[in-house]
Amino acid sequence: MHNCRDYSVRNDDYDAEVCLYCNTFLEKACTDPTCYFCVGRPLRPYPQDVHKIILQQLAANTHLGVGTNAWLKFLITFED
C-alpha cells in the first residue's frame, strides 16, 4: 500500500494537492460557485492516458519493470 503524501504534488491547474499514484485530489473543492479553480474541477486531476504516463514514471523510479506481470497487476489496480 502507499501513502498519498509520499506522492503528493501541487496541481496549479486546480490549485490543489493531488496524489500522483492514485490520481485523486487530496483537498476538497471549495463551495464558491465563482471559484476559477473549483467550478469545473473534474473527479480526477489527470485524464486516464496522462495518469498512465505518470504511473510509468513512478514505476521506473521504483524499478518496477514496465511490461512485466507485476506492472500489469499494478495498472489493473487503477482501472475504473
PDB file of N, CA and C in Angstrom:
ATOM      1  N   MET A   1       0.844  -1.185   0.000  1.00  0.00           N
ATOM      2  CA  MET A   1       0.000   0.000   0.000  1.00  0.00           C
ATOM      3  C   MET A   1       0.883   1.239   0.000  1.00  0.00           C
ATOM      4  N   HIS A   2       0.319   2.334  -0.406  1.00  0.00           N
ATOM      5  CA  HIS A   2       1.085   3.574  -0.469  1.00  0.00           C
ATOM      6  C   HIS A   2       0.482   4.635   0.439  1.00  0.00           C
ATOM      7  N   ASN A   3       1.267   5.650   0.703  1.00  0.00           N
ATOM      8  CA  ASN A   3       0.809   6.813   1.445  1.00  0.00           C
ATOM      9  C   ASN A   3       0.697   7.960   0.445  1.00  0.00           C
ATOM     10  N   CYS A   4      -0.481   8.510   0.274  1.00  0.00           N
ATOM     11  CA  CYS A   4      -0.685   9.568  -0.721  1.00  0.00           C
ATOM     12  C   CYS A   4       0.260  10.747  -0.511  1.00  0.00           C
ATOM     13  N   ARG A   5       0.608  11.030   0.702  1.00  0.00           N
ATOM     14  CA  ARG A   5       1.510  12.161   0.974  1.00  0.00           C
ATOM     15  C   ARG A   5       2.893  11.923   0.368  1.00  0.00           C
ATOM     16  N   ASP A   6       3.267  10.667   0.184  1.00  0.00           N
ATOM     17  CA  ASP A   6       4.557  10.368  -0.448  1.00  0.00           C
ATOM     18  C   ASP A   6       4.557  10.716  -1.930  1.00  0.00           C
ATOM     19  N   TYR A   7       3.386  10.820  -2.526  1.00  0.00           N
ATOM     20  CA  TYR A   7       3.251  11.088  -3.960  1.00  0.00           C
ATOM     21  C   TYR A   7       2.496  12.390  -4.233  1.00  0.00           C
ATOM     22  N   SER A   8       2.394  13.250  -3.233  1.00  0.00           N
ATOM     23  CA  SER A   8       1.598  14.463  -3.416  1.00  0.00           C
ATOM     24  C   SER A   8       2.401  15.561  -4.104  1.00  0.00           C
ATOM     25  N   VAL A   9       1.715  16.254  -4.985  1.00  0.00           N
ATOM     26  CA  VAL A   9       2.269  17.413  -5.675  1.00  0.00           C
ATOM     27  C   VAL A   9       1.177  18.474  -5.764  1.00  0.00           C
ATOM     28  N   ARG A  10       1.601  19.668  -6.009  1.00  0.00           N
ATOM     29  CA  ARG A  10       0.648  20.768  -6.200  1.00  0.00           C
ATOM     30  C   ARG A  10       0.249  20.821  -7.665  1.00  0.00           C
ATOM     31  N   ASN A  11      -1.038  20.777  -7.934  1.00  0.00           N
ATOM     32  CA  ASN A  11      -1.544  20.904  -9.294  1.00  0.00           C
ATOM     33  C   ASN A  11      -2.051  22.336  -9.445  1.00  0.00           C
ATOM     34  N   ASP A  12      -1.288  23.139 -10.181  1.00  0.00           N
ATOM     35  CA  ASP A  12      -1.632  24.553 -10.322  1.00  0.00           C
ATOM     36  C   ASP A  12      -2.892  24.785 -11.146  1.00  0.00           C
ATOM     37  N   ASP A  13      -3.251  23.829 -11.997  1.00  0.00           N
ATOM     38  CA  ASP A  13      -4.482  23.985 -12.782  1.00  0.00           C
ATOM     39  C   ASP A  13      -5.716  24.064 -11.887  1.00  0.00           C
ATOM     40  N   TYR A  14      -5.672  23.345 -10.757  1.00  0.00           N
ATOM     41  CA  TYR A  14      -6.819  23.301  -9.853  1.00  0.00           C
ATOM     42  C   TYR A  14      -6.496  23.858  -8.470  1.00  0.00           C
ATOM     43  N   ASP A  15      -5.288  24.418  -8.310  1.00  0.00           N
ATOM     44  CA  ASP A  15      -4.853  24.994  -7.040  1.00  0.00           C
ATOM     45  C   ASP A  15      -5.110  24.026  -5.882  1.00  0.00           C
ATOM     46  N   ALA A  16      -4.645  22.788  -6.059  1.00  0.00           N
ATOM     47  CA  ALA A  16      -4.899  21.750  -5.057  1.00  0.00           C
ATOM     48  C   ALA A  16      -3.763  20.736  -5.026  1.00  0.00           C
ATOM     49  N   GLU A  17      -3.598  20.105  -3.877  1.00  0.00           N
ATOM     50  CA  GLU A  17      -2.664  18.991  -3.750  1.00  0.00           C
ATOM     51  C   GLU A  17      -3.324  17.751  -4.343  1.00  0.00           C
ATOM     52  N   VAL A  18      -2.550  16.973  -5.091  1.00  0.00           N
ATOM     53  CA  VAL A  18      -3.063  15.740  -5.683  1.00  0.00           C
ATOM     54  C   VAL A  18      -2.088  14.605  -5.414  1.00  0.00           C
ATOM     55  N   CYS A  19      -2.596  13.388  -5.433  1.00  0.00           N
ATOM     56  CA  CYS A  19      -1.757  12.199  -5.324  1.00  0.00           C
ATOM     57  C   CYS A  19      -1.497  11.685  -6.734  1.00  0.00           C
ATOM     58  N   LEU A  20      -0.223  11.665  -7.126  1.00  0.00           N
ATOM     59  CA  LEU A  20       0.131  11.162  -8.449  1.00  0.00           C
ATOM     60  C   LEU A  20      -0.146   9.674  -8.570  1.00  0.00           C
ATOM     61  N   TYR A  21       0.006   8.943  -7.491  1.00  0.00           N
ATOM     62  CA  TYR A  21      -0.133   7.491  -7.507  1.00  0.00           C
ATOM     63  C   TYR A  21      -1.574   7.066  -7.769  1.00  0.00           C
ATOM     64  N   CYS A  22      -2.500   7.622  -7.024  1.00  0.00           N
ATOM     65  CA  CYS A  22      -3.892   7.171  -7.172  1.00  0.00           C
ATOM     66  C   CYS A  22      -4.774   8.167  -7.924  1.00  0.00           C
ATOM     67  N   ASN A  23      -4.163   9.271  -8.413  1.00  0.00           N
ATOM     68  CA  ASN A  23      -4.870  10.225  -9.267  1.00  0.00           C
ATOM     69  C   ASN A  23      -6.121  10.778  -8.585  1.00  0.00           C
ATOM     70  N   THR A  24      -5.934  11.251  -7.355  1.00  0.00           N
ATOM     71  CA  THR A  24      -7.044  11.843  -6.617  1.00  0.00           C
ATOM     72  C   THR A  24      -6.629  13.195  -6.051  1.00  0.00           C
ATOM     73  N   PHE A  25      -7.626  14.024  -5.823  1.00  0.00           N
ATOM     74  CA  PHE A  25      -7.390  15.290  -5.138  1.00  0.00           C
ATOM     75  C   PHE A  25      -7.274  14.999  -3.648  1.00  0.00           C
ATOM     76  N   LEU A  26      -6.328  15.646  -2.988  1.00  0.00           N
ATOM     77  CA  LEU A  26      -6.164  15.467  -1.550  1.00  0.00           C
ATOM     78  C   LEU A  26      -6.876  16.568  -0.770  1.00  0.00           C
ATOM     79  N   GLU A  27      -7.476  17.487  -1.501  1.00  0.00           N
ATOM     80  CA  GLU A  27      -8.233  18.581  -0.895  1.00  0.00           C
ATOM     81  C   GLU A  27      -9.615  18.629  -1.546  1.00  0.00           C
ATOM     82  N   LYS A  28     -10.598  18.957  -0.767  1.00  0.00           N
ATOM     83  CA  LYS A  28     -11.948  19.104  -1.318  1.00  0.00           C
ATOM     84  C   LYS A  28     -12.042  20.412  -2.097  1.00  0.00           C
ATOM     85  N   ALA A  29     -12.890  20.413  -3.100  1.00  0.00           N
ATOM     86  CA  ALA A  29     -13.162  21.644  -3.842  1.00  0.00           C
ATOM     87  C   ALA A  29     -13.939  22.595  -2.935  1.00  0.00           C
ATOM     88  N   CYS A  30     -13.724  23.878  -3.141  1.00  0.00           N
ATOM     89  CA  CYS A  30     -14.478  24.842  -2.343  1.00  0.00           C
ATOM     90  C   CYS A  30     -15.923  24.912  -2.856  1.00  0.00           C
ATOM     91  N   THR A  31     -16.754  25.593  -2.127  1.00  0.00           N
ATOM     92  CA  THR A  31     -18.170  25.675  -2.496  1.00  0.00           C
ATOM     93  C   THR A  31     -18.532  26.993  -3.177  1.00  0.00           C
ATOM     94  N   ASP A  32     -17.541  27.816  -3.457  1.00  0.00           N
ATOM     95  CA  ASP A  32     -17.784  29.098  -4.125  1.00  0.00           C
ATOM     96  C   ASP A  32     -18.131  28.846  -5.592  1.00  0.00           C
ATOM     97  N   PRO A  33     -19.346  29.162  -6.026  1.00  0.00           N
ATOM     98  CA  PRO A  33     -19.756  28.886  -7.412  1.00  0.00           C
ATOM     99  C   PRO A  33     -19.009  29.721  -8.453  1.00  0.00           C
ATOM    100  N   THR A  34     -18.259  30.721  -8.016  1.00  0.00           N
ATOM    101  CA  THR A  34     -17.498  31.550  -8.956  1.00  0.00           C
ATOM    102  C   THR A  34     -16.002  31.262  -8.907  1.00  0.00           C
ATOM    103  N   CYS A  35     -15.593  30.274  -8.139  1.00  0.00           N
ATOM    104  CA  CYS A  35     -14.167  29.957  -7.996  1.00  0.00           C
ATOM    105  C   CYS A  35     -13.604  29.445  -9.323  1.00  0.00           C
ATOM    106  N   TYR A  36     -12.602  30.114  -9.817  1.00  0.00           N
ATOM    107  CA  TYR A  36     -11.966  29.764 -11.091  1.00  0.00           C
ATOM    108  C   TYR A  36     -11.423  28.339 -11.066  1.00  0.00           C
ATOM    109  N   PHE A  37     -10.871  27.912  -9.942  1.00  0.00           N
ATOM    110  CA  PHE A  37     -10.216  26.611  -9.853  1.00  0.00           C
ATOM    111  C   PHE A  37     -11.190  25.460  -9.621  1.00  0.00           C
ATOM    112  N   CYS A  38     -12.217  25.693  -8.851  1.00  0.00           N
ATOM    113  CA  CYS A  38     -13.077  24.591  -8.411  1.00  0.00           C
ATOM    114  C   CYS A  38     -14.341  24.380  -9.241  1.00  0.00           C
ATOM    115  N   VAL A  39     -14.813  25.411  -9.918  1.00  0.00           N
ATOM    116  CA  VAL A  39     -16.117  25.314 -10.577  1.00  0.00           C
ATOM    117  C   VAL A  39     -16.149  24.229 -11.654  1.00  0.00           C
ATOM    118  N   GLY A  40     -15.077  24.021 -12.375  1.00  0.00           N
ATOM    119  CA  GLY A  40     -15.067  22.996 -13.419  1.00  0.00           C
ATOM    120  C   GLY A  40     -14.143  21.834 -13.109  1.00  0.00           C
ATOM    121  N   ARG A  41     -13.832  21.657 -11.835  1.00  0.00           N
ATOM    122  CA  ARG A  41     -12.877  20.626 -11.435  1.00  0.00           C
ATOM    123  C   ARG A  41     -13.430  19.230 -11.694  1.00  0.00           C
ATOM    124  N   PRO A  42     -12.657  18.376 -12.387  1.00  0.00           N
ATOM    125  CA  PRO A  42     -13.115  17.011 -12.664  1.00  0.00           C
ATOM    126  C   PRO A  42     -12.996  16.118 -11.428  1.00  0.00           C
ATOM    127  N   LEU A  43     -13.508  14.915 -11.528  1.00  0.00           N
ATOM    128  CA  LEU A  43     -13.414  13.955 -10.432  1.00  0.00           C
ATOM    129  C   LEU A  43     -11.959  13.583 -10.161  1.00  0.00           C
ATOM    130  N   ARG A  44     -11.171  13.448 -11.222  1.00  0.00           N
ATOM    131  CA  ARG A  44      -9.750  13.093 -11.106  1.00  0.00           C
ATOM    132  C   ARG A  44      -8.910  14.199 -11.745  1.00  0.00           C
ATOM    133  N   PRO A  45      -7.733  14.479 -11.172  1.00  0.00           N
ATOM    134  CA  PRO A  45      -6.926  15.582 -11.695  1.00  0.00           C
ATOM    135  C   PRO A  45      -6.339  15.346 -13.082  1.00  0.00           C
ATOM    136  N   TYR A  46      -6.074  14.102 -13.447  1.00  0.00           N
ATOM    137  CA  TYR A  46      -5.447  13.817 -14.738  1.00  0.00           C
ATOM    138  C   TYR A  46      -6.297  12.836 -15.545  1.00  0.00           C
ATOM    139  N   PRO A  47      -6.398  13.048 -16.857  1.00  0.00           N
ATOM    140  CA  PRO A  47      -7.082  12.069 -17.706  1.00  0.00           C
ATOM    141  C   PRO A  47      -6.359  10.724 -17.635  1.00  0.00           C
ATOM    142  N   GLN A  48      -7.063   9.654 -17.954  1.00  0.00           N
ATOM    143  CA  GLN A  48      -6.519   8.304 -17.815  1.00  0.00           C
ATOM    144  C   GLN A  48      -5.222   8.120 -18.600  1.00  0.00           C
ATOM    145  N   ASP A  49      -5.132   8.663 -19.816  1.00  0.00           N
ATOM    146  CA  ASP A  49      -3.911   8.484 -20.610  1.00  0.00           C
ATOM    147  C   ASP A  49      -2.718   9.204 -19.985  1.00  0.00           C
ATOM    148  N   VAL A  50      -2.953  10.370 -19.413  1.00  0.00           N
ATOM    149  CA  VAL A  50      -1.877  11.103 -18.738  1.00  0.00           C
ATOM    150  C   VAL A  50      -1.481  10.381 -17.459  1.00  0.00           C
ATOM    151  N   HIS A  51      -2.475   9.879 -16.729  1.00  0.00           N
ATOM    152  CA  HIS A  51      -2.181   9.161 -15.488  1.00  0.00           C
ATOM    153  C   HIS A  51      -1.355   7.909 -15.766  1.00  0.00           C
ATOM    154  N   LYS A  52      -1.618   7.242 -16.866  1.00  0.00           N
ATOM    155  CA  LYS A  52      -0.837   6.052 -17.222  1.00  0.00           C
ATOM    156  C   LYS A  52       0.637   6.417 -17.414  1.00  0.00           C
ATOM    157  N   ILE A  53       0.905   7.547 -18.045  1.00  0.00           N
ATOM    158  CA  ILE A  53       2.288   8.008 -18.221  1.00  0.00           C
ATOM    159  C   ILE A  53       2.920   8.325 -16.866  1.00  0.00           C
ATOM    160  N   ILE A  54       2.156   8.951 -15.995  1.00  0.00           N
ATOM    161  CA  ILE A  54       2.649   9.245 -14.645  1.00  0.00           C
ATOM    162  C   ILE A  54       3.003   7.950 -13.927  1.00  0.00           C
ATOM    163  N   LEU A  55       2.126   6.945 -14.026  1.00  0.00           N
ATOM    164  CA  LEU A  55       2.392   5.656 -13.381  1.00  0.00           C
ATOM    165  C   LEU A  55       3.640   4.995 -13.952  1.00  0.00           C
ATOM    166  N   GLN A  56       3.850   5.126 -15.246  1.00  0.00           N
ATOM    167  CA  GLN A  56       5.053   4.561 -15.855  1.00  0.00           C
ATOM    168  C   GLN A  56       6.303   5.213 -15.274  1.00  0.00           C
ATOM    169  N   GLN A  57       6.251   6.513 -15.079  1.00  0.00           N
ATOM    170  CA  GLN A  57       7.392   7.207 -14.490  1.00  0.00           C
ATOM    171  C   GLN A  57       7.599   6.790 -13.036  1.00  0.00           C
ATOM    172  N   LEU A  58       6.503   6.650 -12.297  1.00  0.00           N
ATOM    173  CA  LEU A  58       6.621   6.187 -10.913  1.00  0.00           C
ATOM    174  C   LEU A  58       7.203   4.780 -10.862  1.00  0.00           C
ATOM    175  N   ALA A  59       6.755   3.927 -11.775  1.00  0.00           N
ATOM    176  CA  ALA A  59       7.263   2.553 -11.824  1.00  0.00           C
ATOM    177  C   ALA A  59       8.744   2.545 -12.165  1.00  0.00           C
ATOM    178  N   ALA A  60       9.139   3.374 -13.109  1.00  0.00           N
ATOM    179  CA  ALA A  60      10.553   3.453 -13.477  1.00  0.00           C
ATOM    180  C   ALA A  60      11.382   3.923 -12.288  1.00  0.00           C
ATOM    181  N   ASN A  61      10.825   4.834 -11.526  1.00  0.00           N
ATOM    182  CA  ASN A  61      11.540   5.340 -10.353  1.00  0.00           C
ATOM    183  C   ASN A  61      11.645   4.307  -9.245  1.00  0.00           C
ATOM    184  N   THR A  62      10.745   3.351  -9.218  1.00  0.00           N
ATOM    185  CA  THR A  62      10.788   2.313  -8.184  1.00  0.00           C
ATOM    186  C   THR A  62      11.267   0.978  -8.744  1.00  0.00           C
ATOM    187  N   HIS A  63      11.780   1.002  -9.965  1.00  0.00           N
ATOM    188  CA  HIS A  63      12.371  -0.174 -10.618  1.00  0.00           C
ATOM    189  C   HIS A  63      11.379  -1.302 -10.857  1.00  0.00           C
ATOM    190  N   LEU A  64      10.119  -0.957 -11.057  1.00  0.00           N
ATOM    191  CA  LEU A  64       9.120  -1.956 -11.429  1.00  0.00           C
ATOM    192  C   LEU A  64       9.146  -2.035 -12.942  1.00  0.00           C
ATOM    193  N   GLY A  65       9.457  -3.181 -13.480  1.00  0.00           N
ATOM    194  CA  GLY A  65       9.643  -3.298 -14.921  1.00  0.00           C
ATOM    195  C   GLY A  65       8.360  -3.122 -15.707  1.00  0.00           C
ATOM    196  N   VAL A  66       8.319  -2.105 -16.551  1.00  0.00           N
ATOM    197  CA  VAL A  66       7.172  -1.877 -17.423  1.00  0.00           C
ATOM    198  C   VAL A  66       7.081  -3.034 -18.408  1.00  0.00           C
ATOM    199  N   GLY A  67       5.884  -3.584 -18.584  1.00  0.00           N
ATOM    200  CA  GLY A  67       5.685  -4.714 -19.483  1.00  0.00           C
ATOM    201  C   GLY A  67       5.729  -6.060 -18.767  1.00  0.00           C
ATOM    202  N   THR A  68       6.044  -6.067 -17.498  1.00  0.00           N
ATOM    203  CA  THR A  68       6.086  -7.317 -16.738  1.00  0.00           C
ATOM    204  C   THR A  68       4.719  -7.599 -16.128  1.00  0.00           C
ATOM    205  N   ASN A  69       4.546  -8.817 -15.634  1.00  0.00           N
ATOM    206  CA  ASN A  69       3.289  -9.165 -14.959  1.00  0.00           C
ATOM    207  C   ASN A  69       3.046  -8.268 -13.755  1.00  0.00           C
ATOM    208  N   ALA A  70       4.110  -7.934 -13.038  1.00  0.00           N
ATOM    209  CA  ALA A  70       3.960  -7.055 -11.880  1.00  0.00           C
ATOM    210  C   ALA A  70       3.427  -5.689 -12.311  1.00  0.00           C
ATOM    211  N   TRP A  71       3.914  -5.198 -13.445  1.00  0.00           N
ATOM    212  CA  TRP A  71       3.446  -3.912 -13.966  1.00  0.00           C
ATOM    213  C   TRP A  71       1.975  -3.994 -14.349  1.00  0.00           C
ATOM    214  N   LEU A  72       1.570  -5.074 -15.017  1.00  0.00           N
ATOM    215  CA  LEU A  72       0.170  -5.224 -15.425  1.00  0.00           C
ATOM    216  C   LEU A  72      -0.748  -5.311 -14.214  1.00  0.00           C
ATOM    217  N   LYS A  73      -0.334  -6.025 -13.190  1.00  0.00           N
ATOM    218  CA  LYS A  73      -1.126  -6.098 -11.957  1.00  0.00           C
ATOM    219  C   LYS A  73      -1.230  -4.721 -11.311  1.00  0.00           C
ATOM    220  N   PHE A  74      -0.138  -3.981 -11.366  1.00  0.00           N
ATOM    221  CA  PHE A  74      -0.100  -2.628 -10.827  1.00  0.00           C
ATOM    222  C   PHE A  74      -1.100  -1.736 -11.562  1.00  0.00           C
ATOM    223  N   LEU A  75      -1.134  -1.814 -12.883  1.00  0.00           N
ATOM    224  CA  LEU A  75      -2.049  -0.991 -13.678  1.00  0.00           C
ATOM    225  C   LEU A  75      -3.508  -1.332 -13.415  1.00  0.00           C
ATOM    226  N   ILE A  76      -3.804  -2.601 -13.241  1.00  0.00           N
ATOM    227  CA  ILE A  76      -5.183  -3.047 -13.020  1.00  0.00           C
ATOM    228  C   ILE A  76      -5.778  -2.404 -11.772  1.00  0.00           C
ATOM    229  N   THR A  77      -4.955  -2.121 -10.783  1.00  0.00           N
ATOM    230  CA  THR A  77      -5.471  -1.524  -9.552  1.00  0.00           C
ATOM    231  C   THR A  77      -6.023  -0.126  -9.769  1.00  0.00           C
ATOM    232  N   PHE A  78      -5.766   0.471 -10.928  1.00  0.00           N
ATOM    233  CA  PHE A  78      -6.234   1.827 -11.199  1.00  0.00           C
ATOM    234  C   PHE A  78      -7.379   1.886 -12.192  1.00  0.00           C
ATOM    235  N   GLU A  79      -7.862   0.745 -12.627  1.00  0.00           N
ATOM    236  CA  GLU A  79      -8.980   0.725 -13.571  1.00  0.00           C
ATOM    237  C   GLU A  79     -10.241   1.193 -12.871  1.00  0.00           C
ATOM    238  N   ASP A  80     -11.023   2.000 -13.571  1.00  0.00           N
ATOM    239  CA  ASP A  80     -12.302   2.478 -13.004  1.00  0.00           C
ATOM    240  C   ASP A  80     -13.420   1.516 -13.318  1.00  0.00           C
TER     241      ASP A  80
END
